[in-house]
Amino acid sequence: MVLSLYRYRCFSHDYIWKRQQYEWWGIPEYWIVDRHRAKVTVLVLVEGVYRETVYTGKTPIRSASFPDLVITLEDMPG
């Protein structure tokens, strides 16, 4: 699992380049913590392609790689 803290000026790097590279490298789970937009984008690799789920606020986020990990955006560093 990779966790990326999105920086305001790096949209294409985090949301496009890293996503493409991590998908190609077979990283099973990639989270983008975006405090600027108040959301966490969770990408889970399914049959070689990322499936995306977006979480906001106090919605619990469960990791596919670490099933005991439950966290919210408010709990994230940033």
Protein backbone atom coordinates (compact mmCIF):
# COMPACT_ATOMS: atom_id res chain seq x y z
CA MET A 1 0.00 0.00 0.00
CA VAL A 2 1.20 3.51 -0.86
CA LEU A 3 -0.14 6.64 0.84
CA SER A 4 0.49 9.98 -0.89
CA LEU A 5 -0.17 13.37 0.66
CA TYR A 6 -1.35 15.50 -2.26
CA ARG A 7 0.33 18.88 -2.66
CA TYR A 8 -1.79 21.61 -4.19
CA ARG A 9 0.39 22.20 -7.26
CA CYS A 10 1.10 18.55 -8.08
CA PHE A 11 -2.28 17.35 -9.40
CA SER A 12 -0.91 15.71 -12.53
CA HIS A 13 1.93 14.08 -10.61
CA ASP A 14 -0.23 12.46 -7.88
CA TYR A 15 -3.48 11.87 -9.73
CA ILE A 16 -2.12 10.94 -13.16
CA TRP A 17 1.59 10.03 -13.24
CA LYS A 18 1.79 8.18 -9.92
CA ARG A 19 -1.52 6.43 -10.57
CA GLN A 20 -0.34 5.17 -13.96
CA GLN A 21 3.06 4.11 -12.63
CA TYR A 22 1.71 2.36 -9.51
CA GLU A 23 -0.91 0.56 -11.58
CA TRP A 24 1.75 -0.55 -14.06
CA TRP A 25 4.07 -1.64 -11.21
CA GLY A 26 1.25 -3.66 -9.66
CA ILE A 27 0.96 -1.71 -6.38
CA PRO A 28 -2.19 -3.30 -4.89
CA GLU A 29 -3.48 -0.18 -3.11
CA TYR A 30 -2.80 3.55 -3.48
CA TRP A 31 -4.35 6.29 -1.34
CA ILE A 32 -4.24 9.99 -2.24
CA VAL A 33 -4.92 12.20 0.78
CA ASP A 34 -6.12 15.53 -0.62
CA ARG A 35 -6.67 18.03 2.18
CA HIS A 36 -7.21 20.86 -0.33
CA ARG A 37 -10.34 19.13 -1.70
CA ALA A 38 -11.19 17.42 1.64
CA LYS A 39 -11.13 13.89 0.25
CA VAL A 40 -9.21 10.65 0.17
CA THR A 41 -9.08 8.77 -3.13
CA VAL A 42 -8.48 5.05 -2.62
CA LEU A 43 -7.34 3.04 -5.62
CA VAL A 44 -7.41 -0.77 -5.38
CA LEU A 45 -5.87 -2.91 -8.09
CA VAL A 46 -8.39 -5.37 -9.55
CA GLU A 47 -7.29 -7.52 -12.48
CA GLY A 48 -4.50 -5.08 -13.31
CA VAL A 49 -6.67 -1.93 -13.26
CA TYR A 50 -7.32 0.49 -10.39
CA ARG A 51 -10.85 0.81 -9.05
CA GLU A 52 -11.40 4.19 -7.46
CA THR A 53 -13.43 5.09 -4.39
CA VAL A 54 -13.55 8.61 -2.94
CA TYR A 55 -14.11 9.26 0.77
CA THR A 56 -14.87 12.54 2.54
CA GLY A 57 -15.37 13.78 6.08
CA LYS A 58 -16.00 11.17 8.74
CA THR A 59 -16.73 8.30 6.36
CA PRO A 60 -14.67 5.30 7.54
CA ILE A 61 -12.05 4.13 5.06
CA ARG A 62 -11.12 0.45 5.12
CA SER A 63 -7.91 -0.75 3.59
CA ALA A 64 -8.04 -3.75 1.24
CA SER A 65 -4.41 -4.54 2.12
CA PHE A 66 -4.80 -4.12 5.88
CA PRO A 67 -8.38 -5.15 6.82
CA ASP A 68 -7.97 -4.07 10.46
CA LEU A 69 -7.09 -0.53 9.40
CA VAL A 70 -10.11 1.78 9.62
CA ILE A 71 -9.48 5.53 9.43
CA THR A 72 -11.23 8.74 8.38
CA LEU A 73 -9.96 11.81 6.54
CA GLU A 74 -10.00 13.69 9.83
CA ASP A 75 -7.57 11.12 11.29
CA MET A 76 -5.06 11.57 8.46
CA PRO A 77 -1.86 13.57 8.77
CA GLY A 78 -1.66 16.67 6.81
